[in-house]
C-alpha atoms as a PDB file:
ATOM      1  CA  MET A   1     -10.725  29.063  -7.915  1.00  0.00           C
ATOM      2  CA  ALA A   2     -10.673  25.880  -5.251  1.00  0.00           C
ATOM      3  CA  ASN A   3     -11.916  26.782  -1.665  1.00  0.00           C
ATOM      4  CA  TYR A   4     -10.088  25.169   1.039  1.00  0.00           C
ATOM      5  CA  LEU A   5     -10.595  24.051   4.355  1.00  0.00           C
ATOM      6  CA  LYS A   6      -8.027  25.042   6.938  1.00  0.00           C
ATOM      7  CA  ILE A   7      -8.525  23.421  10.539  1.00  0.00           C
ATOM      8  CA  ASN A   8      -5.632  24.787  12.814  1.00  0.00           C
ATOM      9  CA  PHE A   9      -5.070  22.539  16.549  1.00  0.00           C
ATOM     10  CA  GLU A  10      -4.218  24.793  19.546  1.00  0.00           C
ATOM     11  CA  THR A  11      -1.161  22.079  20.082  1.00  0.00           C
ATOM     12  CA  PRO A  12       0.178  19.743  17.336  1.00  0.00           C
ATOM     13  CA  PHE A  13      -1.888  16.500  17.485  1.00  0.00           C
ATOM     14  CA  TYR A  14       0.248  14.113  15.796  1.00  0.00           C
ATOM     15  CA  LYS A  15       3.764  14.586  15.043  1.00  0.00           C
ATOM     16  CA  ASP A  16       4.688  18.325  14.084  1.00  0.00           C
ATOM     17  CA  ILE A  17       1.283  18.869  12.360  1.00  0.00           C
ATOM     18  CA  ASP A  18      -0.720  21.565  13.749  1.00  0.00           C
ATOM     19  CA  GLU A  19      -3.029  21.949  10.436  1.00  0.00           C
ATOM     20  CA  ILE A  20      -4.672  20.563   7.391  1.00  0.00           C
ATOM     21  CA  TYR A  21      -5.627  22.338   4.186  1.00  0.00           C
ATOM     22  CA  PHE A  22      -8.668  20.173   3.077  1.00  0.00           C
ATOM     23  CA  ASN A  23     -10.074  20.398  -0.928  1.00  0.00           C
ATOM     24  CA  GLU A  24     -12.960  18.621  -1.927  1.00  0.00           C
ATOM     25  CA  ASN A  25     -12.141  15.213  -3.543  1.00  0.00           C
ATOM     26  CA  ASN A  26     -13.731  15.629  -6.906  1.00  0.00           C
ATOM     27  CA  ASP A  27     -11.709  12.354  -8.139  1.00  0.00           C
ATOM     28  CA  LEU A  28     -14.691  10.030  -6.543  1.00  0.00           C
ATOM     29  CA  LEU A  29     -18.301   8.976  -8.136  1.00  0.00           C
ATOM     30  CA  TYR A  30     -21.183  11.185  -5.716  1.00  0.00           C
ATOM     31  CA  TYR A  31     -24.777  10.261  -6.374  1.00  0.00           C
ATOM     32  CA  ASP A  32     -27.455  12.661  -5.605  1.00  0.00           C
ATOM     33  CA  ASN A  33     -27.637  14.006  -2.175  1.00  0.00           C
ATOM     34  CA  SER A  34     -24.250  12.035  -1.030  1.00  0.00           C
ATOM     35  CA  HIS A  35     -22.138  13.621   0.926  1.00  0.00           C
ATOM     36  CA  MET A  36     -18.765  15.264  -0.265  1.00  0.00           C
ATOM     37  CA  ASN A  37     -15.431  13.730   0.736  1.00  0.00           C
ATOM     38  CA  TYR A  38     -12.303  15.535   1.272  1.00  0.00           C
ATOM     39  CA  ILE A  39      -8.292  15.514   1.169  1.00  0.00           C
ATOM     40  CA  SER A  40      -5.014  17.038   1.968  1.00  0.00           C
ATOM     41  CA  PHE A  41      -1.548  16.093   1.730  1.00  0.00           C
ATOM     42  CA  ILE A  42       1.218  16.856   3.717  1.00  0.00           C
ATOM     43  CA  LYS A  43       4.735  16.130   2.541  1.00  0.00           C
ATOM     44  CA  ASN A  44       7.463  16.665   5.525  1.00  0.00           C
ATOM     45  CA  ASN A  45      10.804  15.251   4.447  1.00  0.00           C
ATOM     46  CA  ASP A  46      11.165  11.376   2.933  1.00  0.00           C
ATOM     47  CA  ILE A  47       7.186  11.308   4.702  1.00  0.00           C
ATOM     48  CA  GLU A  48       4.390  12.031   2.854  1.00  0.00           C
ATOM     49  CA  TYR A  49       0.453  12.547   5.092  1.00  0.00           C
ATOM     50  CA  THR A  50      -3.221  11.402   3.813  1.00  0.00           C
ATOM     51  CA  PHE A  51      -6.045  12.480   5.237  1.00  0.00           C
ATOM     52  CA  TYR A  52      -8.923  11.441   3.755  1.00  0.00           C
ATOM     53  CA  GLY A  53     -12.251  13.477   5.528  1.00  0.00           C
ATOM     54  CA  PHE A  54     -15.700  12.180   5.491  1.00  0.00           C
ATOM     55  CA  TYR A  55     -19.740  12.768   7.048  1.00  0.00           C
ATOM     56  CA  LYS A  56     -20.627   9.505   9.338  1.00  0.00           C
ATOM     57  CA  ASP A  57     -23.206  10.171  12.079  1.00  0.00           C
ATOM     58  CA  ASP A  58     -22.518  14.156  12.098  1.00  0.00           C
ATOM     59  CA  PHE A  59     -19.497  13.989  12.440  1.00  0.00           C
ATOM     60  CA  PHE A  60     -16.607  15.210   9.861  1.00  0.00           C
ATOM     61  CA  VAL A  61     -14.252  12.298  10.422  1.00  0.00           C
ATOM     62  CA  ILE A  62     -10.612  12.338   9.958  1.00  0.00           C
ATOM     63  CA  ILE A  63      -8.657   8.914   9.111  1.00  0.00           C
ATOM     64  CA  PHE A  64      -4.744   9.176   7.964  1.00  0.00           C
ATOM     65  CA  ASN A  65      -2.345   7.372   6.623  1.00  0.00           C
ATOM     66  CA  GLU A  66       1.536   7.879   6.325  1.00  0.00           C
ATOM     67  CA  TYR A  67       3.829   6.925   3.520  1.00  0.00           C
ATOM     68  CA  ASN A  68       7.738   6.669   3.673  1.00  0.00           C
ATOM     69  CA  GLU A  69       9.116   7.230   0.077  1.00  0.00           C
ATOM     70  CA  THR A  70      12.309   6.233   1.859  1.00  0.00           C
ATOM     71  CA  LEU A  71      11.599   2.641   2.673  1.00  0.00           C
ATOM     72  CA  ASP A  72       8.646   2.764   0.531  1.00  0.00           C
ATOM     73  CA  VAL A  73       5.931   1.736   3.433  1.00  0.00           C
ATOM     74  CA  ASN A  74       2.551   2.758   3.279  1.00  0.00           C
ATOM     75  CA  ILE A  75       1.618   3.381   7.692  1.00  0.00           C
ATOM     76  CA  GLU A  76      -2.235   3.233   8.638  1.00  0.00           C
ATOM     77  CA  SER A  77      -2.353   5.825  11.363  1.00  0.00           C
ATOM     78  CA  LYS A  78      -4.171   4.318  14.317  1.00  0.00           C
ATOM     79  CA  TYR A  79      -5.874   7.666  15.350  1.00  0.00           C
ATOM     80  CA  ILE A  80      -9.246   9.390  14.358  1.00  0.00           C
ATOM     81  CA  LEU A  81     -10.598  12.728  14.390  1.00  0.00           C
ATOM     82  CA  LEU A  82     -14.042  13.429  14.941  1.00  0.00           C
ATOM     83  CA  ILE A  83     -15.046  17.189  14.168  1.00  0.00           C
ATOM     84  CA  LYS A  84     -19.078  18.354  14.813  1.00  0.00           C
ATOM     85  CA  LEU A  85     -19.672  20.526  11.270  1.00  0.00           C
ATOM     86  CA  GLU A  86     -22.821  22.090   9.710  1.00  0.00           C
ATOM     87  CA  TRP A  87     -23.016  20.547   6.453  1.00  0.00           C
ATOM     88  CA  ILE A  88     -25.837  22.368   3.887  1.00  0.00           C
ATOM     89  CA  THR A  89     -26.276  21.222   0.609  1.00  0.00           C
ATOM     90  CA  ARG A  90     -25.140  22.743  -2.806  1.00  0.00           C
ATOM     91  CA  ASN A  91     -26.736  21.994  -6.664  1.00  0.00           C
ATOM     92  CA  VAL A  92     -23.841  20.239  -8.272  1.00  0.00           C
ATOM     93  CA  SER A  93     -25.880  20.111 -11.936  1.00  0.00           C
ATOM     94  CA  LEU A  94     -29.917  20.247 -12.461  1.00  0.00           C
ATOM     95  CA  GLN A  95     -30.054  16.068 -11.516  1.00  0.00           C
ATOM     96  CA  LYS A  96     -27.297  16.315  -8.750  1.00  0.00           C
ATOM     97  CA  SER A  97     -27.081  18.077  -5.220  1.00  0.00           C
ATOM     98  CA  LEU A  98     -24.383  17.087  -2.672  1.00  0.00           C
ATOM     99  CA  TRP A  99     -23.825  17.522   0.841  1.00  0.00           C
ATOM    100  CA  VAL A 100     -20.790  20.227   1.843  1.00  0.00           C
ATOM    101  CA  ILE A 101     -19.390  21.377   4.636  1.00  0.00           C
ATOM    102  CA  ASN A 102     -20.438  25.089   5.557  1.00  0.00           C
ATOM    103  CA  ASN A 103     -18.083  26.839   3.567  1.00  0.00           C
ATOM    104  CA  SER A 104     -19.613  30.129   5.139  1.00  0.00           C
ATOM    105  CA  ILE A 105     -17.745  29.223   8.984  1.00  0.00           C
ATOM    106  CA  ASN A 106     -14.773  31.264   9.397  1.00  0.00           C
ATOM    107  CA  ASN A 107     -12.856  32.024  12.525  1.00  0.00           C
ATOM    108  CA  TYR A 108     -14.940  28.631  14.158  1.00  0.00           C
ATOM    109  CA  ASN A 109     -14.030  27.778  17.504  1.00  0.00           C
ATOM    110  CA  THR A 110     -14.829  23.977  18.062  1.00  0.00           C
ATOM    111  CA  GLU A 111     -13.500  20.693  19.310  1.00  0.00           C
ATOM    112  CA  ALA A 112     -11.971  17.860  17.999  1.00  0.00           C
ATOM    113  CA  TYR A 113     -12.235  14.605  19.203  1.00  0.00           C
ATOM    114  CA  LEU A 114      -8.998  12.851  18.806  1.00  0.00           C
ATOM    115  CA  LEU A 115      -9.512   8.643  18.943  1.00  0.00           C
ATOM    116  CA  SER A 116      -6.914   5.671  19.004  1.00  0.00           C
ATOM    117  CA  HIS A 117      -9.188   3.446  17.991  1.00  0.00           C
ATOM    118  CA  ARG A 118      -9.483   3.543  13.755  1.00  0.00           C
ATOM    119  CA  ASN A 119     -10.021   0.149  12.998  1.00  0.00           C
ATOM    120  CA  ARG A 120     -12.521   0.142  15.777  1.00  0.00           C
ATOM    121  CA  LEU A 121     -14.039   2.989  14.806  1.00  0.00           C
ATOM    122  CA  ILE A 122     -14.160   1.993  11.039  1.00  0.00           C
ATOM    123  CA  ASN A 123     -15.019  -1.473  11.661  1.00  0.00           C
ATOM    124  CA  GLY A 124     -17.675  -1.575  14.019  1.00  0.00           C
ATOM    125  CA  SER A 125     -20.008   0.068  11.641  1.00  0.00           C
ATOM    126  CA  GLU A 126     -22.921  -1.207  13.949  1.00  0.00           C
ATOM    127  CA  ILE A 127     -22.330   1.439  16.546  1.00  0.00           C
ATOM    128  CA  ASN A 128     -23.610   5.101  16.447  1.00  0.00           C
ATOM    129  CA  TYR A 129     -20.435   7.352  17.095  1.00  0.00           C
ATOM    130  CA  ASN A 130     -22.138   9.386  19.584  1.00  0.00           C
ATOM    131  CA  ASP A 131     -22.209   6.346  21.155  1.00  0.00           C
ATOM    132  CA  PHE A 132     -18.750   5.164  20.615  1.00  0.00           C
ATOM    133  CA  LEU A 133     -17.541   8.304  21.963  1.00  0.00           C
ATOM    134  CA  LYS A 134     -19.200   7.603  25.476  1.00  0.00           C
ATOM    135  CA  LEU A 135     -17.755   4.542  25.649  1.00  0.00           C
ATOM    136  CA  ASN A 136     -14.550   5.121  24.884  1.00  0.00           C
ATOM    137  CA  ASN A 137     -11.408   7.519  26.101  1.00  0.00           C
ATOM    138  CA  TYR A 138     -10.738  10.046  23.949  1.00  0.00           C
ATOM    139  CA  LYS A 139      -8.299  13.222  23.728  1.00  0.00           C
ATOM    140  CA  VAL A 140      -9.976  16.742  23.391  1.00  0.00           C
ATOM    141  CA  LEU A 141      -8.873  19.144  20.447  1.00  0.00           C
ATOM    142  CA  LYS A 142      -8.976  22.761  20.878  1.00  0.00           C
ATOM    143  CA  ILE A 143      -9.849  23.488  16.875  1.00  0.00           C
ATOM    144  CA  THR A 144     -10.263  26.479  14.493  1.00  0.00           C
ATOM    145  CA  ILE A 145     -12.044  26.330  11.191  1.00  0.00           C
ATOM    146  CA  ASN A 146     -11.886  29.252   8.523  1.00  0.00           C
ATOM    147  CA  ASN A 147     -12.114  29.252   4.861  1.00  0.00           C
ATOM    148  CA  THR A 148      -9.076  29.871   2.647  1.00  0.00           C
ATOM    149  CA  ASP A 149      -8.657  29.984  -1.297  1.00  0.00           C
ATOM    150  CA  GLU A 150      -5.897  28.349  -3.332  1.00  0.00           C
ATOM    151  CA  ILE A 151      -3.851  32.021  -3.674  1.00  0.00           C
ATOM    152  CA  ILE A 152      -3.420  32.551   0.182  1.00  0.00           C
ATOM    153  CA  LEU A 153      -2.545  28.695   0.912  1.00  0.00           C
ATOM    154  CA  LYS A 154       0.075  29.215  -2.107  1.00  0.00           C
ATOM    155  CA  ASN A 155       1.360  32.389   0.029  1.00  0.00           C
ATOM    156  CA  ILE A 156       0.975  30.684   3.269  1.00  0.00           C
ATOM    157  CA  LYS A 157       3.460  28.149   1.978  1.00  0.00           C
ATOM    158  CA  ILE A 158       5.438  30.453   0.487  1.00  0.00           C
ATOM    159  CA  MET A 159       5.792  32.645   4.123  1.00  0.00           C
ATOM    160  CA  ASN A 160       6.364  29.484   5.544  1.00  0.00           C
ATOM    161  CA  ASN A 161       9.490  28.412   3.156  1.00  0.00           C
ATOM    162  CA  VAL A 162      10.884  32.209   3.671  1.00  0.00           C
ATOM    163  CA  LYS A 163      10.861  31.809   7.426  1.00  0.00           C
ATOM    164  CA  HIS A 164      12.355  28.228   6.982  1.00  0.00           C
ATOM    165  CA  ILE A 165      15.229  29.910   4.839  1.00  0.00           C
ATOM    166  CA  PHE A 166      15.926  33.363   7.643  1.00  0.00           C
ATOM    167  CA  LYS A 167      16.086  30.755  10.411  1.00  0.00           C
ATOM    168  CA  SER A 168      18.348  28.941   8.457  1.00  0.00           C
ATOM    169  CA  ILE A 169      20.320  31.877   7.383  1.00  0.00           C
ATOM    170  CA  LYS A 170      20.157  33.158  11.349  1.00  0.00           C
ATOM    171  CA  LEU A 171      21.562  30.223  12.789  1.00  0.00           C
ATOM    172  CA  PHE A 172      24.195  30.092  10.347  1.00  0.00           C
ATOM    173  CA  PHE A 173      25.162  33.273  11.381  1.00  0.00           C
ATOM    174  CA  ASN A 174      24.727  32.578  14.719  1.00  0.00           C
ATOM    175  CA  LYS A 175      26.827  29.870  14.506  1.00  0.00           C
ATOM    176  CA  ASP A 176      30.050  32.215  12.946  1.00  0.00           C
ATOM    177  CA  ASN A 177      29.581  34.490  15.613  1.00  0.00           C
ATOM    178  CA  ASP A 178      29.720  31.981  18.346  1.00  0.00           C
ATOM    179  CA  ASP A 179      32.963  30.740  16.557  1.00  0.00           C
ATOM    180  CA  GLU A 180      34.490  34.103  16.274  1.00  0.00           C
ATOM    181  CA  GLU A 181      33.426  34.759  19.878  1.00  0.00           C
ATOM    182  CA  ASP A 182      35.554  31.669  20.514  1.00  0.00           C
ATOM    183  CA  ASP A 183      38.595  32.520  19.000  1.00  0.00           C
ATOM    184  CA  ASP A 184      38.974  35.631  21.134  1.00  0.00           C
END
């Protein structure tokens, strides 16, 4: 069963996104002692957000893009998130071990740093991310990190859909009641 890293933001950090579920990206080729990359997808109407998480300078670095299906346009966000997380080694075979995010963390309250300099940070690889934070403005976001499994994730999606349906029904009936009151 898959294990997801769930990051909850106290307030939405981009548009209305306030949580991300990361899964290990097993589509990449990894070498011994390399760091696992993570990926997440969020679909909202006709826009699909793709989040990429990777290790750099003791940070879990998150970059993201959005793809608009209607316009058939991919947009690289200028924002980047940095989170200090503990990485541990995991043996994936007799010949190879990978550094992965410690999945024993639950209800871990910490901070994420939101910067609007994605290109400068990614392309300016000669500067350490800790030093980059000292030299640039950023927004501090309060976050909670948990690990969850796929079944819980599916249930959360189902519950969110059910909540949305109930809200729509409530709005529909409230509208009908408002119309009836207006007729009196």
